[in-house]
Amino acid sequence: MRIKNKMENKTKICVLCGGEFIGWGNNPQPLKEEGECCEICNARKVLPERIKQLRERLSKKEEEEVVIVKKPKKSLGEAVKEVSGNLNEMGENISKGLKKAFG
C-alpha cells in the first residue's frame, strides 16, 4: 500500500508552458533557474537541452584534448644538443656566481 504525499495532489503551474500539472514536478534547469516544470516539458524541452549542452561540453573538451602534431623544426638530436648546451651554460653561470659570492 502506497502512502500519498500532500505534494502529489497539489496543482502547480509549469514555468515553461504555463500549463497546470499535479505531482512533484521537475527541475527546469537549464531553461529556467527556478520553479518546476511538467512531465511533458521535461521530456520535450529540458532533457533535450541538457543533452545538447552536455554534448557541447564534451565536444569542447575533446577539442582541447586534441594535440596537433606538427613537423618539428629540429631533429631530436639537434634539440638534445641545444638543451645540453643551455644546461652547460647555466651550470657555468651558476659556478661563476658561486665563485664570486664565496671566493
N, C-alpha and C. Protein backbone atom coordinates (compact mmCIF):
# COMPACT_ATOMS: atom_id res chain seq x y z
N MET A 1 0.84 -1.17 0.00
CA MET A 1 0.00 0.00 0.00
C MET A 1 0.89 1.25 0.00
N ARG A 2 0.62 2.17 -0.86
CA ARG A 2 1.40 3.39 -1.01
C ARG A 2 0.73 4.53 -0.26
N ILE A 3 1.54 5.25 0.52
CA ILE A 3 1.03 6.42 1.24
C ILE A 3 1.24 7.63 0.35
N LYS A 4 0.18 8.37 0.09
CA LYS A 4 0.30 9.55 -0.76
C LYS A 4 0.78 10.75 0.04
N ASN A 5 1.62 11.51 -0.58
CA ASN A 5 2.15 12.73 -0.01
C ASN A 5 1.23 13.88 -0.43
N LYS A 6 1.10 14.88 0.40
CA LYS A 6 0.25 16.03 0.08
C LYS A 6 0.69 16.72 -1.20
N MET A 7 2.02 16.71 -1.48
CA MET A 7 2.54 17.38 -2.67
C MET A 7 2.06 16.72 -3.95
N GLU A 8 1.75 15.43 -3.90
CA GLU A 8 1.35 14.71 -5.10
C GLU A 8 -0.01 15.17 -5.63
N ASN A 9 -0.85 15.72 -4.77
CA ASN A 9 -2.19 16.14 -5.19
C ASN A 9 -2.30 17.63 -5.44
N LYS A 10 -1.26 18.37 -5.18
CA LYS A 10 -1.31 19.82 -5.33
C LYS A 10 -1.17 20.21 -6.81
N THR A 11 -2.06 21.09 -7.27
CA THR A 11 -1.99 21.58 -8.64
C THR A 11 -0.91 22.66 -8.72
N LYS A 12 -0.07 22.55 -9.72
CA LYS A 12 1.03 23.50 -9.92
C LYS A 12 0.99 24.02 -11.35
N ILE A 13 1.71 25.12 -11.56
CA ILE A 13 1.81 25.71 -12.89
C ILE A 13 3.23 25.48 -13.42
N CYS A 14 3.32 24.97 -14.63
CA CYS A 14 4.62 24.73 -15.26
C CYS A 14 5.26 26.06 -15.63
N VAL A 15 6.52 26.24 -15.24
CA VAL A 15 7.21 27.51 -15.52
C VAL A 15 7.60 27.63 -16.99
N LEU A 16 7.49 26.56 -17.74
CA LEU A 16 7.87 26.62 -19.16
C LEU A 16 6.68 26.81 -20.09
N CYS A 17 5.60 26.05 -19.87
CA CYS A 17 4.46 26.16 -20.78
C CYS A 17 3.26 26.89 -20.16
N GLY A 18 3.28 27.06 -18.85
CA GLY A 18 2.17 27.74 -18.18
C GLY A 18 0.98 26.83 -17.90
N GLY A 19 1.10 25.56 -18.27
CA GLY A 19 0.01 24.62 -18.04
C GLY A 19 -0.01 24.11 -16.61
N GLU A 20 -1.17 23.60 -16.21
CA GLU A 20 -1.31 23.04 -14.87
C GLU A 20 -0.88 21.57 -14.87
N PHE A 21 -0.31 21.16 -13.75
CA PHE A 21 0.00 19.74 -13.58
C PHE A 21 -0.11 19.39 -12.12
N ILE A 22 -0.26 18.12 -11.85
CA ILE A 22 -0.37 17.62 -10.48
C ILE A 22 0.80 16.67 -10.24
N GLY A 23 1.43 16.81 -9.09
CA GLY A 23 2.53 15.91 -8.77
C GLY A 23 3.77 16.67 -8.33
N TRP A 24 4.88 15.96 -8.38
CA TRP A 24 6.12 16.53 -7.87
C TRP A 24 6.70 17.62 -8.75
N GLY A 25 6.61 17.50 -10.03
CA GLY A 25 7.22 18.47 -10.92
C GLY A 25 8.68 18.13 -11.16
N ASN A 26 9.29 18.84 -12.10
CA ASN A 26 10.67 18.58 -12.50
C ASN A 26 11.48 19.87 -12.46
N ASN A 27 12.78 19.71 -12.26
CA ASN A 27 13.70 20.84 -12.28
C ASN A 27 13.81 21.34 -13.72
N PRO A 28 13.49 22.61 -13.99
CA PRO A 28 13.51 23.11 -15.36
C PRO A 28 14.89 23.60 -15.85
N GLN A 29 15.89 23.48 -15.00
CA GLN A 29 17.22 23.96 -15.43
C GLN A 29 17.74 23.09 -16.55
N PRO A 30 18.33 23.61 -17.55
CA PRO A 30 18.93 24.94 -17.70
C PRO A 30 18.02 25.98 -18.36
N LEU A 31 16.76 25.63 -18.60
CA LEU A 31 15.88 26.58 -19.29
C LEU A 31 15.35 27.67 -18.36
N LYS A 32 15.12 27.34 -17.12
CA LYS A 32 14.68 28.30 -16.09
C LYS A 32 15.43 27.98 -14.81
N GLU A 33 15.75 29.01 -14.06
CA GLU A 33 16.52 28.82 -12.82
C GLU A 33 15.65 28.40 -11.64
N GLU A 34 14.38 28.78 -11.66
CA GLU A 34 13.51 28.49 -10.51
C GLU A 34 12.20 27.88 -10.97
N GLY A 35 11.50 27.28 -10.02
CA GLY A 35 10.20 26.71 -10.29
C GLY A 35 10.27 25.26 -10.69
N GLU A 36 9.14 24.76 -11.20
CA GLU A 36 9.04 23.37 -11.62
C GLU A 36 8.34 23.31 -12.97
N CYS A 37 8.67 22.28 -13.69
CA CYS A 37 8.01 22.11 -14.98
C CYS A 37 7.27 20.78 -15.01
N CYS A 38 6.34 20.66 -15.94
CA CYS A 38 5.54 19.44 -16.08
C CYS A 38 6.35 18.34 -16.76
N GLU A 39 5.80 17.13 -16.74
CA GLU A 39 6.47 15.98 -17.35
C GLU A 39 6.69 16.18 -18.84
N ILE A 40 5.71 16.76 -19.52
CA ILE A 40 5.80 16.95 -20.97
C ILE A 40 6.94 17.90 -21.31
N CYS A 41 7.02 19.04 -20.61
CA CYS A 41 8.11 19.99 -20.87
C CYS A 41 9.46 19.40 -20.48
N ASN A 42 9.48 18.63 -19.42
CA ASN A 42 10.71 17.98 -19.02
C ASN A 42 11.22 17.07 -20.14
N ALA A 43 10.30 16.27 -20.70
CA ALA A 43 10.69 15.31 -21.74
C ALA A 43 10.99 15.98 -23.08
N ARG A 44 10.22 17.01 -23.43
CA ARG A 44 10.36 17.63 -24.76
C ARG A 44 11.33 18.80 -24.82
N LYS A 45 11.56 19.46 -23.68
CA LYS A 45 12.38 20.67 -23.70
C LYS A 45 13.63 20.56 -22.82
N VAL A 46 13.42 20.22 -21.54
CA VAL A 46 14.52 20.25 -20.57
C VAL A 46 15.58 19.18 -20.87
N LEU A 47 15.14 17.93 -20.96
CA LEU A 47 16.11 16.84 -21.18
C LEU A 47 16.87 16.99 -22.49
N PRO A 48 16.20 17.33 -23.62
CA PRO A 48 16.97 17.54 -24.85
C PRO A 48 18.00 18.68 -24.73
N GLU A 49 17.64 19.74 -24.00
CA GLU A 49 18.58 20.86 -23.82
C GLU A 49 19.77 20.42 -22.97
N ARG A 50 19.52 19.65 -21.93
CA ARG A 50 20.62 19.15 -21.11
C ARG A 50 21.56 18.26 -21.92
N ILE A 51 20.98 17.41 -22.75
CA ILE A 51 21.79 16.53 -23.60
C ILE A 51 22.60 17.35 -24.59
N LYS A 52 21.97 18.36 -25.18
CA LYS A 52 22.66 19.25 -26.13
C LYS A 52 23.85 19.93 -25.45
N GLN A 53 23.63 20.48 -24.26
CA GLN A 53 24.70 21.17 -23.55
C GLN A 53 25.81 20.20 -23.15
N LEU A 54 25.45 19.00 -22.76
CA LEU A 54 26.46 18.01 -22.41
C LEU A 54 27.31 17.66 -23.63
N ARG A 55 26.65 17.47 -24.76
CA ARG A 55 27.39 17.17 -26.00
C ARG A 55 28.34 18.32 -26.35
N GLU A 56 27.88 19.56 -26.19
CA GLU A 56 28.73 20.71 -26.48
C GLU A 56 29.95 20.74 -25.56
N ARG A 57 29.73 20.48 -24.26
CA ARG A 57 30.85 20.46 -23.32
C ARG A 57 31.83 19.34 -23.65
N LEU A 58 31.31 18.17 -23.99
CA LEU A 58 32.19 17.06 -24.35
C LEU A 58 32.95 17.36 -25.63
N SER A 59 32.28 18.01 -26.57
CA SER A 59 32.93 18.36 -27.83
C SER A 59 34.07 19.35 -27.59
N LYS A 60 33.82 20.36 -26.73
CA LYS A 60 34.86 21.33 -26.40
C LYS A 60 36.03 20.65 -25.70
N LYS A 61 35.72 19.73 -24.79
CA LYS A 61 36.76 19.02 -24.06
C LYS A 61 37.61 18.21 -25.03
N GLU A 62 36.95 17.54 -25.98
CA GLU A 62 37.68 16.76 -26.97
C GLU A 62 38.57 17.66 -27.81
N GLU A 63 38.06 18.84 -28.18
CA GLU A 63 38.86 19.78 -28.96
C GLU A 63 40.08 20.23 -28.18
N GLU A 64 39.91 20.47 -26.88
CA GLU A 64 41.03 20.89 -26.05
C GLU A 64 42.06 19.78 -25.90
N GLU A 65 41.59 18.53 -25.92
CA GLU A 65 42.49 17.41 -25.74
C GLU A 65 43.22 17.01 -27.01
N VAL A 66 42.72 17.47 -28.16
CA VAL A 66 43.36 17.12 -29.42
C VAL A 66 44.70 17.84 -29.51
N VAL A 67 45.73 17.08 -29.77
CA VAL A 67 47.06 17.65 -29.92
C VAL A 67 47.38 17.68 -31.40
N ILE A 68 47.69 18.85 -31.88
CA ILE A 68 48.05 18.99 -33.29
C ILE A 68 49.53 18.67 -33.41
N VAL A 69 49.83 17.66 -34.18
CA VAL A 69 51.21 17.25 -34.36
C VAL A 69 51.76 17.96 -35.58
N LYS A 70 52.79 18.74 -35.36
CA LYS A 70 53.45 19.45 -36.45
C LYS A 70 54.84 18.88 -36.63
N LYS A 71 55.32 19.02 -37.82
CA LYS A 71 56.67 18.55 -38.09
C LYS A 71 57.64 19.42 -37.29
N PRO A 72 58.50 18.79 -36.51
CA PRO A 72 59.43 19.58 -35.70
C PRO A 72 60.41 20.36 -36.57
N LYS A 73 60.79 21.53 -36.08
CA LYS A 73 61.74 22.36 -36.80
C LYS A 73 63.15 21.80 -36.70
N LYS A 74 63.39 21.03 -35.65
CA LYS A 74 64.71 20.44 -35.42
C LYS A 74 64.54 18.95 -35.20
N SER A 75 65.60 18.24 -35.49
CA SER A 75 65.57 16.81 -35.20
C SER A 75 65.72 16.63 -33.69
N LEU A 76 65.44 15.44 -33.22
CA LEU A 76 65.57 15.16 -31.80
C LEU A 76 67.01 15.35 -31.34
N GLY A 77 67.93 14.89 -32.14
CA GLY A 77 69.35 15.03 -31.81
C GLY A 77 69.76 16.50 -31.67
N GLU A 78 69.29 17.34 -32.59
CA GLU A 78 69.59 18.77 -32.52
C GLU A 78 68.99 19.40 -31.27
N ALA A 79 67.77 19.01 -30.95
CA ALA A 79 67.11 19.55 -29.76
C ALA A 79 67.85 19.15 -28.50
N VAL A 80 68.30 17.89 -28.43
CA VAL A 80 69.04 17.42 -27.26
C VAL A 80 70.35 18.18 -27.11
N LYS A 81 71.06 18.39 -28.22
CA LYS A 81 72.31 19.16 -28.18
C LYS A 81 72.06 20.58 -27.68
N GLU A 82 70.99 21.20 -28.18
CA GLU A 82 70.68 22.58 -27.78
C GLU A 82 70.37 22.65 -26.29
N VAL A 83 69.55 21.72 -25.80
CA VAL A 83 69.21 21.70 -24.38
C VAL A 83 70.46 21.43 -23.54
N SER A 84 71.29 20.49 -23.97
CA SER A 84 72.52 20.19 -23.25
C SER A 84 73.42 21.41 -23.19
N GLY A 85 73.54 22.10 -24.31
CA GLY A 85 74.35 23.32 -24.34
C GLY A 85 73.81 24.37 -23.40
N ASN A 86 72.49 24.53 -23.39
CA ASN A 86 71.87 25.52 -22.48
C ASN A 86 72.10 25.13 -21.03
N LEU A 87 72.00 23.85 -20.73
CA LEU A 87 72.22 23.39 -19.35
C LEU A 87 73.68 23.60 -18.94
N ASN A 88 74.61 23.31 -19.86
CA ASN A 88 76.04 23.53 -19.56
C ASN A 88 76.30 25.00 -19.30
N GLU A 89 75.71 25.86 -20.13
CA GLU A 89 75.89 27.31 -19.96
C GLU A 89 75.31 27.76 -18.62
N MET A 90 74.15 27.25 -18.26
CA MET A 90 73.55 27.61 -16.97
C MET A 90 74.43 27.15 -15.82
N GLY A 91 74.96 25.93 -15.94
CA GLY A 91 75.85 25.41 -14.90
C GLY A 91 77.09 26.27 -14.74
N GLU A 92 77.65 26.69 -15.87
CA GLU A 92 78.84 27.56 -15.82
C GLU A 92 78.50 28.90 -15.16
N ASN A 93 77.35 29.46 -15.49
CA ASN A 93 76.95 30.73 -14.89
C ASN A 93 76.73 30.59 -13.38
N ILE A 94 76.15 29.48 -12.98
CA ILE A 94 75.95 29.23 -11.54
C ILE A 94 77.29 29.10 -10.84
N SER A 95 78.21 28.37 -11.46
CA SER A 95 79.55 28.20 -10.88
C SER A 95 80.25 29.54 -10.73
N LYS A 96 80.18 30.38 -11.76
CA LYS A 96 80.80 31.71 -11.70
C LYS A 96 80.18 32.54 -10.58
N GLY A 97 78.86 32.47 -10.47
CA GLY A 97 78.18 33.23 -9.42
C GLY A 97 78.59 32.76 -8.03
N LEU A 98 78.72 31.46 -7.86
CA LEU A 98 79.12 30.92 -6.55
C LEU A 98 80.55 31.31 -6.24
N LYS A 99 81.44 31.28 -7.25
CA LYS A 99 82.84 31.68 -7.01
C LYS A 99 82.92 33.14 -6.59
N LYS A 100 82.10 33.98 -7.26
CA LYS A 100 82.10 35.41 -6.90
C LYS A 100 81.57 35.62 -5.48
N ALA A 101 80.54 34.88 -5.14
CA ALA A 101 79.89 35.05 -3.83
C ALA A 101 80.76 34.49 -2.70
N PHE A 102 81.39 33.36 -2.92
CA PHE A 102 82.10 32.69 -1.83
C PHE A 102 83.60 32.57 -2.04
N GLY A 103 84.12 33.15 -3.12
CA GLY A 103 85.56 33.21 -3.37
C GLY A 103 86.12 31.98 -3.80
